[in-house]
Structures are given as C-alpha cells and as structure tokens.
C-alpha atoms as a PDB file:
ATOM      1  CA  MET A   1      65.112 146.955 135.344  1.00  0.00           C
ATOM      2  CA  ARG A   2      68.515 147.392 136.058  1.00  0.00           C
ATOM      3  CA  ILE A   3      71.502 147.054 133.811  1.00  0.00           C
ATOM      4  CA  ASN A   4      74.617 145.328 135.461  1.00  0.00           C
ATOM      5  CA  GLU A   5      78.072 146.191 134.121  1.00  0.00           C
ATOM      6  CA  GLU A   6      78.653 142.593 133.657  1.00  0.00           C
ATOM      7  CA  GLU A   7      75.467 142.590 130.902  1.00  0.00           C
ATOM      8  CA  VAL A   8      77.124 146.324 129.583  1.00  0.00           C
ATOM      9  CA  ARG A   9      80.498 144.256 129.102  1.00  0.00           C
ATOM     10  CA  ARG A  10      78.889 141.484 127.357  1.00  0.00           C
ATOM     11  CA  VAL A  11      76.849 143.455 124.762  1.00  0.00           C
ATOM     12  CA  ALA A  12      80.079 145.484 124.456  1.00  0.00           C
ATOM     13  CA  GLU A  13      81.737 142.561 123.571  1.00  0.00           C
ATOM     14  CA  LEU A  14      79.071 141.269 121.087  1.00  0.00           C
ATOM     15  CA  ALA A  15      78.940 144.910 119.860  1.00  0.00           C
ATOM     16  CA  ASN A  16      82.978 144.667 119.652  1.00  0.00           C
ATOM     17  CA  LEU A  17      83.243 147.818 121.132  1.00  0.00           C
ATOM     18  CA  ALA A  18      85.913 148.537 123.558  1.00  0.00           C
ATOM     19  CA  LEU A  19      84.816 150.119 126.462  1.00  0.00           C
ATOM     20  CA  THR A  20      86.607 151.955 129.751  1.00  0.00           C
ATOM     21  CA  ASP A  21      85.226 150.794 132.944  1.00  0.00           C
ATOM     22  CA  ARG A  22      83.959 154.551 133.203  1.00  0.00           C
ATOM     23  CA  GLU A  23      82.051 154.266 130.266  1.00  0.00           C
ATOM     24  CA  ILE A  24      80.766 150.660 131.281  1.00  0.00           C
ATOM     25  CA  GLU A  25      79.414 152.181 134.600  1.00  0.00           C
ATOM     26  CA  ARG A  26      78.086 155.304 132.800  1.00  0.00           C
ATOM     27  CA  MET A  27      76.113 152.706 130.196  1.00  0.00           C
ATOM     28  CA  ALA A  28      74.874 150.573 133.050  1.00  0.00           C
ATOM     29  CA  GLN A  29      72.958 153.530 134.546  1.00  0.00           C
ATOM     30  CA  ASP A  30      72.025 155.158 131.028  1.00  0.00           C
ATOM     31  CA  LEU A  31      70.557 151.746 129.944  1.00  0.00           C
ATOM     32  CA  SER A  32      68.569 151.140 133.379  1.00  0.00           C
ATOM     33  CA  GLY A  33      67.324 154.651 133.318  1.00  0.00           C
ATOM     34  CA  ILE A  34      65.794 153.972 129.748  1.00  0.00           C
ATOM     35  CA  LEU A  35      64.397 150.669 131.016  1.00  0.00           C
ATOM     36  CA  ALA A  36      62.858 152.395 133.901  1.00  0.00           C
ATOM     37  CA  HIS A  37      61.357 155.138 131.504  1.00  0.00           C
ATOM     38  CA  VAL A  38      60.007 152.325 129.452  1.00  0.00           C
ATOM     39  CA  ASP A  39      58.340 150.470 132.567  1.00  0.00           C
ATOM     40  CA  LYS A  40      56.797 153.801 133.538  1.00  0.00           C
ATOM     41  CA  LEU A  41      55.144 154.177 130.106  1.00  0.00           C
ATOM     42  CA  ASN A  42      54.188 150.732 130.278  1.00  0.00           C
ATOM     43  CA  GLU A  43      51.684 151.621 133.162  1.00  0.00           C
ATOM     44  CA  LEU A  44      49.907 153.942 130.793  1.00  0.00           C
ATOM     45  CA  ASP A  45      46.211 153.013 129.788  1.00  0.00           C
ATOM     46  CA  THR A  46      46.104 152.726 126.612  1.00  0.00           C
ATOM     47  CA  SER A  47      42.855 150.753 125.807  1.00  0.00           C
ATOM     48  CA  ASN A  48      40.650 153.443 124.082  1.00  0.00           C
ATOM     49  CA  ILE A  49      43.505 154.676 121.903  1.00  0.00           C
ATOM     50  CA  GLU A  50      43.397 153.548 118.204  1.00  0.00           C
ATOM     51  CA  PRO A  51      46.485 151.492 116.888  1.00  0.00           C
ATOM     52  CA  MET A  52      48.317 153.533 114.171  1.00  0.00           C
ATOM     53  CA  ALA A  53      49.342 151.746 111.019  1.00  0.00           C
ATOM     54  CA  GLN A  54      51.882 154.596 110.331  1.00  0.00           C
ATOM     55  CA  VAL A  55      52.598 157.918 111.421  1.00  0.00           C
ATOM     56  CA  LEU A  56      52.474 159.839 108.239  1.00  0.00           C
ATOM     57  CA  TYR A  57      48.899 161.207 107.541  1.00  0.00           C
ATOM     58  CA  ASP A  58      47.274 162.600 103.944  1.00  0.00           C
ATOM     59  CA  ALA A  59      48.076 166.397 104.143  1.00  0.00           C
ATOM     60  CA  GLN A  60      47.893 166.858 100.444  1.00  0.00           C
ATOM     61  CA  GLU A  61      49.366 170.140  99.615  1.00  0.00           C
ATOM     62  CA  THR A  62      50.993 170.562 102.973  1.00  0.00           C
ATOM     63  CA  ALA A  63      52.898 167.579 103.195  1.00  0.00           C
ATOM     64  CA  THR A  64      56.633 167.973 103.230  1.00  0.00           C
ATOM     65  CA  LEU A  65      57.377 164.710 101.196  1.00  0.00           C
ATOM     66  CA  ARG A  66      59.423 164.674  98.314  1.00  0.00           C
ATOM     67  CA  GLU A  67      57.836 163.038  95.083  1.00  0.00           C
ATOM     68  CA  ASP A  68      59.255 159.671  94.494  1.00  0.00           C
ATOM     69  CA  ARG A  69      61.261 160.147  91.230  1.00  0.00           C
ATOM     70  CA  GLU A  70      63.459 157.325  89.582  1.00  0.00           C
ATOM     71  CA  ARG A  71      67.499 158.213  90.048  1.00  0.00           C
ATOM     72  CA  PRO A  72      70.399 156.383  88.896  1.00  0.00           C
ATOM     73  CA  CYS A  73      71.948 154.004  91.241  1.00  0.00           C
ATOM     74  CA  LEU A  74      74.811 154.234  93.103  1.00  0.00           C
ATOM     75  CA  SER A  75      77.853 152.757  91.331  1.00  0.00           C
ATOM     76  CA  ASN A  76      79.701 149.982  92.885  1.00  0.00           C
ATOM     77  CA  GLN A  77      83.028 152.017  92.683  1.00  0.00           C
ATOM     78  CA  ASP A  78      81.456 154.869  94.593  1.00  0.00           C
ATOM     79  CA  ALA A  79      79.683 152.911  97.183  1.00  0.00           C
ATOM     80  CA  LEU A  80      83.478 151.337  98.113  1.00  0.00           C
ATOM     81  CA  THR A  81      85.048 154.720  97.896  1.00  0.00           C
ATOM     82  CA  ASN A  82      85.099 155.404 101.448  1.00  0.00           C
ATOM     83  CA  ALA A  83      85.408 151.954 102.538  1.00  0.00           C
ATOM     84  CA  ALA A  84      88.119 151.033 105.076  1.00  0.00           C
ATOM     85  CA  VAL A  85      88.952 147.990 103.203  1.00  0.00           C
ATOM     86  CA  SER A  86      87.723 146.753 100.063  1.00  0.00           C
ATOM     87  CA  GLY A  87      88.192 143.909  97.610  1.00  0.00           C
ATOM     88  CA  ALA A  88      86.775 142.111  94.697  1.00  0.00           C
ATOM     89  CA  GLY A  89      83.789 144.827  94.485  1.00  0.00           C
ATOM     90  CA  TYR A  90      82.788 144.220  97.983  1.00  0.00           C
ATOM     91  CA  PHE A  91      83.153 145.633 101.506  1.00  0.00           C
ATOM     92  CA  LYS A  92      85.999 143.673 103.712  1.00  0.00           C
ATOM     93  CA  VAL A  93      85.138 143.423 107.120  1.00  0.00           C
ATOM     94  CA  PRO A  94      87.270 141.131 109.935  1.00  0.00           C
ATOM     95  CA  LYS A  95      85.283 138.102 111.013  1.00  0.00           C
ATOM     96  CA  VAL A  96      83.696 138.339 114.476  1.00  0.00           C
ATOM     97  CA  ILE A  97      81.642 135.345 115.103  1.00  0.00           C
ATOM     98  CA  GLU A  98      84.423 132.962 115.907  1.00  0.00           C
ATOM     99  CA  ARG A  99      86.963 134.959 118.196  1.00  0.00           C
END
C-alpha cells in the first residue's frame, strides 16, 4: 500500500503537526515502507503457530519483573508541575475539535 503526500498532510492536520514539504515527502516514503513491510509479514503462513495471550512467561527466580507494591499517588500539584498551562487543578489544552 502506498501513502501519498495528501494523506500525510491530512494525518498531520488531525495530529495538529506542522510539517515542512520535505518532512511530508519523507513521512510518505517512511510510512509506505512500513506498510510494505507489514504486507510482507502478512504473506507468512502462521496457521501452525499457537496464539499468545501475552509475551510474559513463568520465569520464576530468573524473572526481571519487580514486585508489585503499593506506593503513594502523585499529588495533583506534582502532576501539574511541568504542564504548559494549567488551571483549577487540570491540564489546559487548546481546543482542536472545531477549527
């Protein structure tokens, strides 16, 4: 499947991204390459492959996962510390639904 520049422009607009013409051209090529790779993967015969519910396995003592422990939650003030704009205890973002 080939992605054209018009489709990249539309997705960039929906994502509120400002891309240059050069970036749009590159993104169209990159996305087309990704989709071509996925098409190639879809050609593989996976009929004899058992489906996986998850990628984790029972590794017992060799597991590198940490123990699940209860910890204090992040305070509202701490969560908003790096927010570009906040108010009334919430993140404020520009309205993008109706432009």
